Amino acid sequence: MIVATVSGVATMNASRRRRRGFRRRLLSCAHQHERRPAVIHRYVMHLVHRNADGRWHLQAKGRTIGAFDTKAEAEAAGTKRGRELQEVGQDAQLVVHRADGSIEHEYTYGHDPERFAG
């Protein structure tokens, strides 16, 4: 609401200026106390079958960290590695693939984000 003009410049009434200042202070105080969680990067491992050698490979960051004759052995090794990482505070994920490459299931170790419908 414009009440009067002072040398050609419109001014707001005092109560509106006080309210506007209060809102700014309120918002700035709220943002000071709000802390966003740090982005936690997850160590992702994939258990995949390679047709070239017929073995199951445990991969992380695009590199093979282990090769196993059976899927059960490879899954046990991936689970062990995930739990080791969880103990030192690192989030980890093991994605188990079928022989055709599709995802069979996955395991998460550490903080598991909430799942939302949709």
PDB file of N, CA and C in Angstrom:
ATOM      1  N   MET A   1       0.845  -1.170   0.000  1.00  0.00           N
ATOM      2  CA  MET A   1       0.000   0.000   0.000  1.00  0.00           C
ATOM      3  C   MET A   1       0.887   1.228   0.000  1.00  0.00           C
ATOM      4  N   ILE A   2       0.649   2.124  -0.923  1.00  0.00           N
ATOM      5  CA  ILE A   2       1.419   3.351  -1.017  1.00  0.00           C
ATOM      6  C   ILE A   2       0.691   4.423  -0.227  1.00  0.00           C
ATOM      7  N   VAL A   3       1.382   5.031   0.709  1.00  0.00           N
ATOM      8  CA  VAL A   3       0.762   6.028   1.570  1.00  0.00           C
ATOM      9  C   VAL A   3       1.069   7.441   1.087  1.00  0.00           C
ATOM     10  N   ALA A   4       2.310   7.714   0.842  1.00  0.00           N
ATOM     11  CA  ALA A   4       2.678   9.075   0.457  1.00  0.00           C
ATOM     12  C   ALA A   4       3.897   9.020  -0.443  1.00  0.00           C
ATOM     13  N   THR A   5       4.179  10.118  -1.067  1.00  0.00           N
ATOM     14  CA  THR A   5       5.383  10.196  -1.869  1.00  0.00           C
ATOM     15  C   THR A   5       6.329  11.197  -1.242  1.00  0.00           C
ATOM     16  N   VAL A   6       7.568  10.858  -1.190  1.00  0.00           N
ATOM     17  CA  VAL A   6       8.588  11.749  -0.664  1.00  0.00           C
ATOM     18  C   VAL A   6       9.510  12.069  -1.825  1.00  0.00           C
ATOM     19  N   SER A   7       9.530  13.282  -2.200  1.00  0.00           N
ATOM     20  CA  SER A   7      10.320  13.775  -3.334  1.00  0.00           C
ATOM     21  C   SER A   7      10.138  12.890  -4.569  1.00  0.00           C
ATOM     22  N   GLY A   8       8.884  12.535  -4.849  1.00  0.00           N
ATOM     23  CA  GLY A   8       8.567  11.789  -6.048  1.00  0.00           C
ATOM     24  C   GLY A   8       8.720  10.283  -5.928  1.00  0.00           C
ATOM     25  N   VAL A   9       9.163   9.748  -4.763  1.00  0.00           N
ATOM     26  CA  VAL A   9       9.357   8.312  -4.578  1.00  0.00           C
ATOM     27  C   VAL A   9       8.272   7.802  -3.647  1.00  0.00           C
ATOM     28  N   ALA A  10       7.587   6.765  -4.053  1.00  0.00           N
ATOM     29  CA  ALA A  10       6.518   6.200  -3.235  1.00  0.00           C
ATOM     30  C   ALA A  10       7.102   5.469  -2.043  1.00  0.00           C
ATOM     31  N   THR A  11       6.479   5.573  -0.893  1.00  0.00           N
ATOM     32  CA  THR A  11       6.941   4.873   0.313  1.00  0.00           C
ATOM     33  C   THR A  11       5.815   4.007   0.855  1.00  0.00           C
ATOM     34  N   MET A  12       6.177   2.952   1.528  1.00  0.00           N
ATOM     35  CA  MET A  12       5.196   2.072   2.166  1.00  0.00           C
ATOM     36  C   MET A  12       4.940   2.558   3.582  1.00  0.00           C
ATOM     37  N   ASN A  13       3.796   2.187   4.110  1.00  0.00           N
ATOM     38  CA  ASN A  13       3.553   2.567   5.487  1.00  0.00           C
ATOM     39  C   ASN A  13       4.459   1.761   6.417  1.00  0.00           C
ATOM     40  N   ALA A  14       4.660   2.237   7.610  1.00  0.00           N
ATOM     41  CA  ALA A  14       5.638   1.659   8.534  1.00  0.00           C
ATOM     42  C   ALA A  14       5.286   0.230   8.926  1.00  0.00           C
ATOM     43  N   SER A  15       4.005  -0.077   9.126  1.00  0.00           N
ATOM     44  CA  SER A  15       3.640  -1.429   9.560  1.00  0.00           C
ATOM     45  C   SER A  15       3.963  -2.448   8.475  1.00  0.00           C
ATOM     46  N   ARG A  16       3.772  -2.088   7.227  1.00  0.00           N
ATOM     47  CA  ARG A  16       4.083  -3.013   6.148  1.00  0.00           C
ATOM     48  C   ARG A  16       5.588  -3.231   6.033  1.00  0.00           C
ATOM     49  N   ARG A  17       6.382  -2.182   6.228  1.00  0.00           N
ATOM     50  CA  ARG A  17       7.833  -2.329   6.201  1.00  0.00           C
ATOM     51  C   ARG A  17       8.302  -3.244   7.323  1.00  0.00           C
ATOM     52  N   ARG A  18       7.698  -3.106   8.500  1.00  0.00           N
ATOM     53  CA  ARG A  18       8.074  -3.966   9.627  1.00  0.00           C
ATOM     54  C   ARG A  18       7.735  -5.416   9.335  1.00  0.00           C
ATOM     55  N   ARG A  19       6.541  -5.664   8.766  1.00  0.00           N
ATOM     56  CA  ARG A  19       6.151  -7.037   8.435  1.00  0.00           C
ATOM     57  C   ARG A  19       7.084  -7.634   7.398  1.00  0.00           C
ATOM     58  N   ARG A  20       7.421  -6.874   6.386  1.00  0.00           N
ATOM     59  CA  ARG A  20       8.315  -7.361   5.341  1.00  0.00           C
ATOM     60  C   ARG A  20       9.684  -7.704   5.935  1.00  0.00           C
ATOM     61  N   GLY A  21      10.206  -6.866   6.797  1.00  0.00           N
ATOM     62  CA  GLY A  21      11.487  -7.132   7.454  1.00  0.00           C
ATOM     63  C   GLY A  21      11.415  -8.368   8.339  1.00  0.00           C
ATOM     64  N   PHE A  22      10.289  -8.537   9.047  1.00  0.00           N
ATOM     65  CA  PHE A  22      10.123  -9.697   9.912  1.00  0.00           C
ATOM     66  C   PHE A  22      10.137 -10.979   9.091  1.00  0.00           C
ATOM     67  N   ARG A  23       9.459 -10.987   7.953  1.00  0.00           N
ATOM     68  CA  ARG A  23       9.439 -12.177   7.099  1.00  0.00           C
ATOM     69  C   ARG A  23      10.835 -12.514   6.596  1.00  0.00           C
ATOM     70  N   ARG A  24      11.578 -11.488   6.196  1.00  0.00           N
ATOM     71  CA  ARG A  24      12.933 -11.736   5.713  1.00  0.00           C
ATOM     72  C   ARG A  24      13.800 -12.338   6.813  1.00  0.00           C
ATOM     73  N   ARG A  25      13.712 -11.768   8.024  1.00  0.00           N
ATOM     74  CA  ARG A  25      14.505 -12.300   9.137  1.00  0.00           C
ATOM     75  C   ARG A  25      14.071 -13.718   9.480  1.00  0.00           C
ATOM     76  N   LEU A  26      12.766 -13.968   9.452  1.00  0.00           N
ATOM     77  CA  LEU A  26      12.249 -15.291   9.763  1.00  0.00           C
ATOM     78  C   LEU A  26      12.760 -16.310   8.751  1.00  0.00           C
ATOM     79  N   LEU A  27      12.703 -15.978   7.471  1.00  0.00           N
ATOM     80  CA  LEU A  27      13.177 -16.897   6.448  1.00  0.00           C
ATOM     81  C   LEU A  27      14.682 -17.107   6.531  1.00  0.00           C
ATOM     82  N   SER A  28      15.430 -16.045   6.773  1.00  0.00           N
ATOM     83  CA  SER A  28      16.883 -16.204   6.835  1.00  0.00           C
ATOM     84  C   SER A  28      17.279 -17.038   8.044  1.00  0.00           C
ATOM     85  N   CYS A  29      16.591 -16.910   9.167  1.00  0.00           N
ATOM     86  CA  CYS A  29      16.894 -17.721  10.356  1.00  0.00           C
ATOM     87  C   CYS A  29      16.558 -19.189  10.099  1.00  0.00           C
ATOM     88  N   ALA A  30      15.438 -19.424   9.424  1.00  0.00           N
ATOM     89  CA  ALA A  30      15.043 -20.806   9.146  1.00  0.00           C
ATOM     90  C   ALA A  30      16.062 -21.489   8.249  1.00  0.00           C
ATOM     91  N   HIS A  31      16.590 -20.767   7.268  1.00  0.00           N
ATOM     92  CA  HIS A  31      17.565 -21.367   6.363  1.00  0.00           C
ATOM     93  C   HIS A  31      18.916 -21.577   7.027  1.00  0.00           C
ATOM     94  N   GLN A  32      19.235 -20.783   8.031  1.00  0.00           N
ATOM     95  CA  GLN A  32      20.512 -20.956   8.715  1.00  0.00           C
ATOM     96  C   GLN A  32      20.537 -22.264   9.492  1.00  0.00           C
ATOM     97  N   HIS A  33      19.405 -22.648  10.056  1.00  0.00           N
ATOM     98  CA  HIS A  33      19.362 -23.854  10.877  1.00  0.00           C
ATOM     99  C   HIS A  33      19.106 -25.109  10.061  1.00  0.00           C
ATOM    100  N   GLU A  34      18.636 -24.931   8.839  1.00  0.00           N
ATOM    101  CA  GLU A  34      18.361 -26.084   7.985  1.00  0.00           C
ATOM    102  C   GLU A  34      19.661 -26.593   7.388  1.00  0.00           C
ATOM    103  N   ARG A  35      19.974 -27.820   7.658  1.00  0.00           N
ATOM    104  CA  ARG A  35      21.189 -28.424   7.129  1.00  0.00           C
ATOM    105  C   ARG A  35      20.787 -29.567   6.221  1.00  0.00           C
ATOM    106  N   ARG A  36      21.232 -29.521   5.007  1.00  0.00           N
ATOM    107  CA  ARG A  36      20.966 -30.621   4.097  1.00  0.00           C
ATOM    108  C   ARG A  36      22.004 -31.703   4.326  1.00  0.00           C
ATOM    109  N   PRO A  37      21.582 -32.957   4.263  1.00  0.00           N
ATOM    110  CA  PRO A  37      22.561 -34.021   4.439  1.00  0.00           C
ATOM    111  C   PRO A  37      23.571 -34.011   3.302  1.00  0.00           C
ATOM    112  N   ALA A  38      24.789 -34.349   3.635  1.00  0.00           N
ATOM    113  CA  ALA A  38      25.832 -34.411   2.619  1.00  0.00           C
ATOM    114  C   ALA A  38      25.499 -35.520   1.628  1.00  0.00           C
ATOM    115  N   VAL A  39      25.870 -35.315   0.405  1.00  0.00           N
ATOM    116  CA  VAL A  39      25.630 -36.326  -0.620  1.00  0.00           C
ATOM    117  C   VAL A  39      26.555 -37.508  -0.340  1.00  0.00           C
ATOM    118  N   ILE A  40      25.951 -38.638  -0.146  1.00  0.00           N
ATOM    119  CA  ILE A  40      26.725 -39.833   0.158  1.00  0.00           C
ATOM    120  C   ILE A  40      26.801 -40.670  -1.115  1.00  0.00           C
ATOM    121  N   HIS A  41      27.994 -40.901  -1.560  1.00  0.00           N
ATOM    122  CA  HIS A  41      28.163 -41.695  -2.760  1.00  0.00           C
ATOM    123  C   HIS A  41      28.218 -43.169  -2.376  1.00  0.00           C
ATOM    124  N   ARG A  42      27.490 -43.948  -3.101  1.00  0.00           N
ATOM    125  CA  ARG A  42      27.376 -45.369  -2.815  1.00  0.00           C
ATOM    126  C   ARG A  42      28.356 -46.149  -3.676  1.00  0.00           C
ATOM    127  N   TYR A  43      29.010 -47.113  -3.078  1.00  0.00           N
ATOM    128  CA  TYR A  43      29.915 -48.016  -3.774  1.00  0.00           C
ATOM    129  C   TYR A  43      29.051 -49.106  -4.391  1.00  0.00           C
ATOM    130  N   VAL A  44      28.927 -49.108  -5.718  1.00  0.00           N
ATOM    131  CA  VAL A  44      28.018 -50.030  -6.405  1.00  0.00           C
ATOM    132  C   VAL A  44      28.822 -51.163  -7.037  1.00  0.00           C
ATOM    133  N   MET A  45      28.419 -52.389  -6.719  1.00  0.00           N
ATOM    134  CA  MET A  45      29.041 -53.588  -7.288  1.00  0.00           C
ATOM    135  C   MET A  45      27.995 -54.318  -8.134  1.00  0.00           C
ATOM    136  N   HIS A  46      28.434 -54.861  -9.246  1.00  0.00           N
ATOM    137  CA  HIS A  46      27.559 -55.635 -10.125  1.00  0.00           C
ATOM    138  C   HIS A  46      28.097 -57.050 -10.224  1.00  0.00           C
ATOM    139  N   LEU A  47      27.209 -58.002 -10.108  1.00  0.00           N
ATOM    140  CA  LEU A  47      27.555 -59.406 -10.280  1.00  0.00           C
ATOM    141  C   LEU A  47      27.026 -59.832 -11.638  1.00  0.00           C
ATOM    142  N   VAL A  48      27.930 -60.056 -12.584  1.00  0.00           N
ATOM    143  CA  VAL A  48      27.529 -60.345 -13.965  1.00  0.00           C
ATOM    144  C   VAL A  48      28.190 -61.627 -14.452  1.00  0.00           C
ATOM    145  N   HIS A  49      27.558 -62.254 -15.439  1.00  0.00           N
ATOM    146  CA  HIS A  49      28.090 -63.472 -16.041  1.00  0.00           C
ATOM    147  C   HIS A  49      28.757 -63.112 -17.357  1.00  0.00           C
ATOM    148  N   ARG A  50      29.959 -63.601 -17.541  1.00  0.00           N
ATOM    149  CA  ARG A  50      30.676 -63.368 -18.795  1.00  0.00           C
ATOM    150  C   ARG A  50      30.669 -64.652 -19.604  1.00  0.00           C
ATOM    151  N   ASN A  51      30.159 -64.565 -20.799  1.00  0.00           N
ATOM    152  CA  ASN A  51      30.110 -65.746 -21.666  1.00  0.00           C
ATOM    153  C   ASN A  51      31.484 -66.132 -22.188  1.00  0.00           C
ATOM    154  N   ALA A  52      32.393 -65.176 -22.240  1.00  0.00           N
ATOM    155  CA  ALA A  52      33.720 -65.446 -22.788  1.00  0.00           C
ATOM    156  C   ALA A  52      34.458 -66.517 -21.988  1.00  0.00           C
ATOM    157  N   ASP A  53      34.375 -66.439 -20.672  1.00  0.00           N
ATOM    158  CA  ASP A  53      35.063 -67.436 -19.844  1.00  0.00           C
ATOM    159  C   ASP A  53      34.099 -68.288 -19.026  1.00  0.00           C
ATOM    160  N   GLY A  54      32.798 -67.989 -19.086  1.00  0.00           N
ATOM    161  CA  GLY A  54      31.798 -68.790 -18.379  1.00  0.00           C
ATOM    162  C   GLY A  54      31.821 -68.612 -16.868  1.00  0.00           C
ATOM    163  N   ARG A  55      32.396 -67.526 -16.387  1.00  0.00           N
ATOM    164  CA  ARG A  55      32.496 -67.293 -14.940  1.00  0.00           C
ATOM    165  C   ARG A  55      31.653 -66.088 -14.537  1.00  0.00           C
ATOM    166  N   TRP A  56      31.418 -65.982 -13.242  1.00  0.00           N
ATOM    167  CA  TRP A  56      30.694 -64.856 -12.666  1.00  0.00           C
ATOM    168  C   TRP A  56      31.712 -63.842 -12.179  1.00  0.00           C
ATOM    169  N   HIS A  57      31.522 -62.577 -12.584  1.00  0.00           N
ATOM    170  CA  HIS A  57      32.462 -61.523 -12.248  1.00  0.00           C
ATOM    171  C   HIS A  57      31.793 -60.496 -11.339  1.00  0.00           C
ATOM    172  N   LEU A  58      32.507 -60.132 -10.297  1.00  0.00           N
ATOM    173  CA  LEU A  58      32.071 -59.073  -9.399  1.00  0.00           C
ATOM    174  C   LEU A  58      32.790 -57.808  -9.853  1.00  0.00           C
ATOM    175  N   GLN A  59      32.024 -56.816 -10.284  1.00  0.00           N
ATOM    176  CA  GLN A  59      32.604 -55.600 -10.831  1.00  0.00           C
ATOM    177  C   GLN A  59      32.225 -54.388  -9.994  1.00  0.00           C
ATOM    178  N   ALA A  60      33.155 -53.438  -9.923  1.00  0.00           N
ATOM    179  CA  ALA A  60      32.904 -52.155  -9.277  1.00  0.00           C
ATOM    180  C   ALA A  60      33.672 -51.096 -10.045  1.00  0.00           C
ATOM    181  N   LYS A  61      33.018 -49.989 -10.314  1.00  0.00           N
ATOM    182  CA  LYS A  61      33.617 -48.883 -11.063  1.00  0.00           C
ATOM    183  C   LYS A  61      34.178 -49.341 -12.409  1.00  0.00           C
ATOM    184  N   GLY A  62      33.494 -50.282 -13.050  1.00  0.00           N
ATOM    185  CA  GLY A  62      33.893 -50.745 -14.372  1.00  0.00           C
ATOM    186  C   GLY A  62      35.041 -51.731 -14.399  1.00  0.00           C
ATOM    187  N   ARG A  63      35.532 -52.133 -13.255  1.00  0.00           N
ATOM    188  CA  ARG A  63      36.649 -53.086 -13.198  1.00  0.00           C
ATOM    189  C   ARG A  63      36.237 -54.347 -12.454  1.00  0.00           C
ATOM    190  N   THR A  64      36.787 -55.443 -12.856  1.00  0.00           N
ATOM    191  CA  THR A  64      36.507 -56.712 -12.194  1.00  0.00           C
ATOM    192  C   THR A  64      37.321 -56.793 -10.913  1.00  0.00           C
ATOM    193  N   ILE A  65      36.629 -57.030  -9.802  1.00  0.00           N
ATOM    194  CA  ILE A  65      37.336 -57.168  -8.522  1.00  0.00           C
ATOM    195  C   ILE A  65      37.368 -58.619  -8.068  1.00  0.00           C
ATOM    196  N   GLY A  66      36.733 -59.501  -8.817  1.00  0.00           N
ATOM    197  CA  GLY A  66      36.773 -60.920  -8.499  1.00  0.00           C
ATOM    198  C   GLY A  66      36.057 -61.737  -9.559  1.00  0.00           C
ATOM    199  N   ALA A  67      36.557 -62.939  -9.828  1.00  0.00           N
ATOM    200  CA  ALA A  67      35.928 -63.854 -10.779  1.00  0.00           C
ATOM    201  C   ALA A  67      35.711 -65.188 -10.063  1.00  0.00           C
ATOM    202  N   PHE A  68      34.516 -65.764 -10.223  1.00  0.00           N
ATOM    203  CA  PHE A  68      34.131 -66.957  -9.478  1.00  0.00           C
ATOM    204  C   PHE A  68      33.499 -67.975 -10.402  1.00  0.00           C
ATOM    205  N   ASP A  69      33.627 -69.252 -10.026  1.00  0.00           N
ATOM    206  CA  ASP A  69      33.068 -70.328 -10.842  1.00  0.00           C
ATOM    207  C   ASP A  69      31.558 -70.440 -10.682  1.00  0.00           C
ATOM    208  N   THR A  70      31.046 -70.149  -9.476  1.00  0.00           N
ATOM    209  CA  THR A  70      29.605 -70.263  -9.254  1.00  0.00           C
ATOM    210  C   THR A  70      29.033 -68.909  -8.841  1.00  0.00           C
ATOM    211  N   LYS A  71      27.754 -68.766  -9.116  1.00  0.00           N
ATOM    212  CA  LYS A  71      27.063 -67.528  -8.758  1.00  0.00           C
ATOM    213  C   LYS A  71      26.968 -67.375  -7.247  1.00  0.00           C
ATOM    214  N   ALA A  72      26.781 -68.475  -6.536  1.00  0.00           N
ATOM    215  CA  ALA A  72      26.666 -68.429  -5.076  1.00  0.00           C
ATOM    216  C   ALA A  72      27.958 -67.912  -4.433  1.00  0.00           C
ATOM    217  N   GLU A  73      29.099 -68.383  -4.940  1.00  0.00           N
ATOM    218  CA  GLU A  73      30.384 -67.898  -4.416  1.00  0.00           C
ATOM    219  C   GLU A  73      30.547 -66.400  -4.654  1.00  0.00           C
ATOM    220  N   ALA A  74      30.200 -65.966  -5.852  1.00  0.00           N
ATOM    221  CA  ALA A  74      30.330 -64.556  -6.200  1.00  0.00           C
ATOM    222  C   ALA A  74      29.400 -63.685  -5.362  1.00  0.00           C
ATOM    223  N   GLU A  75      28.184 -64.161  -5.150  1.00  0.00           N
ATOM    224  CA  GLU A  75      27.222 -63.407  -4.345  1.00  0.00           C
ATOM    225  C   GLU A  75      27.677 -63.326  -2.893  1.00  0.00           C
ATOM    226  N   ALA A  76      28.241 -64.407  -2.371  1.00  0.00           N
ATOM    227  CA  ALA A  76      28.765 -64.400  -1.002  1.00  0.00           C
ATOM    228  C   ALA A  76      29.925 -63.414  -0.867  1.00  0.00           C
ATOM    229  N   ALA A  77      30.797 -63.358  -1.871  1.00  0.00           N
ATOM    230  CA  ALA A  77      31.919 -62.424  -1.834  1.00  0.00           C
ATOM    231  C   ALA A  77      31.427 -60.978  -1.908  1.00  0.00           C
ATOM    232  N   GLY A  78      30.432 -60.722  -2.740  1.00  0.00           N
ATOM    233  CA  GLY A  78      29.866 -59.380  -2.843  1.00  0.00           C
ATOM    234  C   GLY A  78      29.181 -58.949  -1.562  1.00  0.00           C
ATOM    235  N   THR A  79      28.467 -59.877  -0.935  1.00  0.00           N
ATOM    236  CA  THR A  79      27.808 -59.593   0.342  1.00  0.00           C
ATOM    237  C   THR A  79      28.840 -59.288   1.420  1.00  0.00           C
ATOM    238  N   LYS A  80      29.910 -60.065   1.463  1.00  0.00           N
ATOM    239  CA  LYS A  80      30.971 -59.837   2.438  1.00  0.00           C
ATOM    240  C   LYS A  80      31.604 -58.457   2.247  1.00  0.00           C
ATOM    241  N   ARG A  81      31.883 -58.097   0.987  1.00  0.00           N
ATOM    242  CA  ARG A  81      32.479 -56.789   0.686  1.00  0.00           C
ATOM    243  C   ARG A  81      31.524 -55.663   1.071  1.00  0.00           C
ATOM    244  N   GLY A  82      30.249 -55.830   0.806  1.00  0.00           N
ATOM    245  CA  GLY A  82      29.255 -54.818   1.172  1.00  0.00           C
ATOM    246  C   GLY A  82      29.178 -54.608   2.678  1.00  0.00           C
ATOM    247  N   ARG A  83      29.229 -55.688   3.433  1.00  0.00           N
ATOM    248  CA  ARG A  83      29.182 -55.572   4.900  1.00  0.00           C
ATOM    249  C   ARG A  83      30.451 -54.936   5.459  1.00  0.00           C
ATOM    250  N   GLU A  84      31.596 -55.245   4.828  1.00  0.00           N
ATOM    251  CA  GLU A  84      32.850 -54.610   5.256  1.00  0.00           C
ATOM    252  C   GLU A  84      32.784 -53.096   5.053  1.00  0.00           C
ATOM    253  N   LEU A  85      32.259 -52.693   3.917  1.00  0.00           N
ATOM    254  CA  LEU A  85      32.133 -51.265   3.646  1.00  0.00           C
ATOM    255  C   LEU A  85      31.144 -50.603   4.596  1.00  0.00           C
ATOM    256  N   GLN A  86      30.073 -51.304   4.929  1.00  0.00           N
ATOM    257  CA  GLN A  86      29.076 -50.768   5.855  1.00  0.00           C
ATOM    258  C   GLN A  86      29.683 -50.540   7.231  1.00  0.00           C
ATOM    259  N   GLU A  87      30.566 -51.430   7.669  1.00  0.00           N
ATOM    260  CA  GLU A  87      31.188 -51.305   8.987  1.00  0.00           C
ATOM    261  C   GLU A  87      32.068 -50.062   9.098  1.00  0.00           C
ATOM    262  N   VAL A  88      32.667 -49.637   7.995  1.00  0.00           N
ATOM    263  CA  VAL A  88      33.516 -48.448   8.030  1.00  0.00           C
ATOM    264  C   VAL A  88      32.738 -47.176   7.671  1.00  0.00           C
ATOM    265  N   GLY A  89      31.415 -47.294   7.504  1.00  0.00           N
ATOM    266  CA  GLY A  89      30.569 -46.130   7.266  1.00  0.00           C
ATOM    267  C   GLY A  89      30.325 -45.788   5.813  1.00  0.00           C
ATOM    268  N   GLN A  90      30.706 -46.634   4.899  1.00  0.00           N
ATOM    269  CA  GLN A  90      30.491 -46.392   3.470  1.00  0.00           C
ATOM    270  C   GLN A  90      29.245 -47.143   3.011  1.00  0.00           C
ATOM    271  N   ASP A  91      28.351 -46.445   2.320  1.00  0.00           N
ATOM    272  CA  ASP A  91      27.181 -47.103   1.756  1.00  0.00           C
ATOM    273  C   ASP A  91      27.599 -47.927   0.548  1.00  0.00           C
ATOM    274  N   ALA A  92      26.969 -49.078   0.389  1.00  0.00           N
ATOM    275  CA  ALA A  92      27.309 -49.967  -0.718  1.00  0.00           C
ATOM    276  C   ALA A  92      26.039 -50.598  -1.264  1.00  0.00           C
ATOM    277  N   GLN A  93      26.149 -51.088  -2.482  1.00  0.00           N
ATOM    278  CA  GLN A  93      25.028 -51.745  -3.139  1.00  0.00           C
ATOM    279  C   GLN A  93      25.568 -52.870  -4.005  1.00  0.00           C
ATOM    280  N   LEU A  94      24.911 -54.013  -3.947  1.00  0.00           N
ATOM    281  CA  LEU A  94      25.251 -55.158  -4.780  1.00  0.00           C
ATOM    282  C   LEU A  94      24.069 -55.430  -5.705  1.00  0.00           C
ATOM    283  N   VAL A  95      24.307 -55.321  -7.008  1.00  0.00           N
ATOM    284  CA  VAL A  95      23.277 -55.578  -8.008  1.00  0.00           C
ATOM    285  C   VAL A  95      23.596 -56.924  -8.648  1.00  0.00           C
ATOM    286  N   VAL A  96      22.691 -57.886  -8.468  1.00  0.00           N
ATOM    287  CA  VAL A  96      22.895 -59.241  -8.987  1.00  0.00           C
ATOM    288  C   VAL A  96      22.135 -59.376 -10.300  1.00  0.00           C
ATOM    289  N   HIS A  97      22.874 -59.747 -11.355  1.00  0.00           N
ATOM    290  CA  HIS A  97      22.278 -59.911 -12.679  1.00  0.00           C
ATOM    291  C   HIS A  97      22.096 -61.401 -12.989  1.00  0.00           C
ATOM    292  N   ARG A  98      21.131 -61.677 -13.849  1.00  0.00           N
ATOM    293  CA  ARG A  98      20.962 -63.034 -14.363  1.00  0.00           C
ATOM    294  C   ARG A  98      21.998 -63.256 -15.474  1.00  0.00           C
ATOM    295  N   ALA A  99      22.085 -64.472 -15.958  1.00  0.00           N
ATOM    296  CA  ALA A  99      23.038 -64.787 -17.026  1.00  0.00           C
ATOM    297  C   ALA A  99      22.721 -64.022 -18.308  1.00  0.00           C
ATOM    298  N   ASP A 100      21.439 -63.665 -18.515  1.00  0.00           N
ATOM    299  CA  ASP A 100      21.072 -62.907 -19.721  1.00  0.00           C
ATOM    300  C   ASP A 100      21.306 -61.406 -19.571  1.00  0.00           C
ATOM    301  N   GLY A 101      21.739 -60.953 -18.396  1.00  0.00           N
ATOM    302  CA  GLY A 101      22.056 -59.546 -18.170  1.00  0.00           C
ATOM    303  C   GLY A 101      20.985 -58.756 -17.452  1.00  0.00           C
ATOM    304  N   SER A 102      19.777 -59.301 -17.326  1.00  0.00           N
ATOM    305  CA  SER A 102      18.729 -58.574 -16.615  1.00  0.00           C
ATOM    306  C   SER A 102      18.994 -58.622 -15.110  1.00  0.00           C
ATOM    307  N   ILE A 103      18.430 -57.661 -14.386  1.00  0.00           N
ATOM    308  CA  ILE A 103      18.660 -57.576 -12.943  1.00  0.00           C
ATOM    309  C   ILE A 103      17.751 -58.562 -12.221  1.00  0.00           C
ATOM    310  N   GLU A 104      18.367 -59.398 -11.390  1.00  0.00           N
ATOM    311  CA  GLU A 104      17.608 -60.370 -10.607  1.00  0.00           C
ATOM    312  C   GLU A 104      17.149 -59.755  -9.292  1.00  0.00           C
ATOM    313  N   HIS A 105      18.081 -59.196  -8.539  1.00  0.00           N
ATOM    314  CA  HIS A 105      17.763 -58.484  -7.303  1.00  0.00           C
ATOM    315  C   HIS A 105      18.962 -57.643  -6.888  1.00  0.00           C
ATOM    316  N   GLU A 106      18.770 -56.845  -5.832  1.00  0.00           N
ATOM    317  CA  GLU A 106      19.862 -56.009  -5.348  1.00  0.00           C
ATOM    318  C   GLU A 106      19.834 -55.938  -3.829  1.00  0.00           C
ATOM    319  N   TYR A 107      20.996 -55.728  -3.271  1.00  0.00           N
ATOM    320  CA  TYR A 107      21.149 -55.588  -1.828  1.00  0.00           C
ATOM    321  C   TYR A 107      21.784 -54.237  -1.554  1.00  0.00           C
ATOM    322  N   THR A 108      21.341 -53.575  -0.494  1.00  0.00           N
ATOM    323  CA  THR A 108      21.964 -52.324  -0.093  1.00  0.00           C
ATOM    324  C   THR A 108      22.540 -52.494   1.302  1.00  0.00           C
ATOM    325  N   TYR A 109      23.664 -51.858   1.529  1.00  0.00           N
ATOM    326  CA  TYR A 109      24.359 -51.918   2.810  1.00  0.00           C
ATOM    327  C   TYR A 109      24.581 -50.495   3.278  1.00  0.00           C
ATOM    328  N   GLY A 110      24.170 -50.213   4.499  1.00  0.00           N
ATOM    329  CA  GLY A 110      24.277 -48.853   5.007  1.00  0.00           C
ATOM    330  C   GLY A 110      22.931 -48.160   4.889  1.00  0.00           C
ATOM    331  N   HIS A 111      22.946 -46.859   4.653  1.00  0.00           N
ATOM    332  CA  HIS A 111      21.740 -46.065   4.582  1.00  0.00           C
ATOM    333  C   HIS A 111      20.963 -46.416   3.322  1.00  0.00           C
ATOM    334  N   ASP A 112      19.742 -46.872   3.515  1.00  0.00           N
ATOM    335  CA  ASP A 112      18.879 -47.226   2.391  1.00  0.00           C
ATOM    336  C   ASP A 112      17.851 -46.117   2.236  1.00  0.00           C
ATOM    337  N   PRO A 113      17.858 -45.369   1.126  1.00  0.00           N
ATOM    338  CA  PRO A 113      16.906 -44.274   0.976  1.00  0.00           C
ATOM    339  C   PRO A 113      15.479 -44.785   0.939  1.00  0.00           C
ATOM    340  N   GLU A 114      14.562 -43.906   1.397  1.00  0.00           N
ATOM    341  CA  GLU A 114      13.141 -44.268   1.395  1.00  0.00           C
ATOM    342  C   GLU A 114      12.663 -44.436  -0.037  1.00  0.00           C
ATOM    343  N   ARG A 115      11.769 -45.360  -0.228  1.00  0.00           N
ATOM    344  CA  ARG A 115      11.203 -45.570  -1.543  1.00  0.00           C
ATOM    345  C   ARG A 115       9.837 -44.887  -1.598  1.00  0.00           C
ATOM    346  N   PHE A 116       9.598 -44.206  -2.702  1.00  0.00           N
ATOM    347  CA  PHE A 116       8.334 -43.504  -2.873  1.00  0.00           C
ATOM    348  C   PHE A 116       7.547 -44.137  -4.012  1.00  0.00           C
ATOM    349  N   ALA A 117       6.238 -44.224  -3.829  1.00  0.00           N
ATOM    350  CA  ALA A 117       5.387 -44.787  -4.873  1.00  0.00           C
ATOM    351  C   ALA A 117       5.383 -43.856  -6.066  1.00  0.00           C
ATOM    352  N   GLY A 118       5.322 -44.432  -7.236  1.00  0.00           N
ATOM    353  CA  GLY A 118       5.198 -43.592  -8.441  1.00  0.00           C
ATOM    354  C   GLY A 118       6.379 -43.642  -9.229  1.00  0.00           C
TER     355      GLY A 118
END
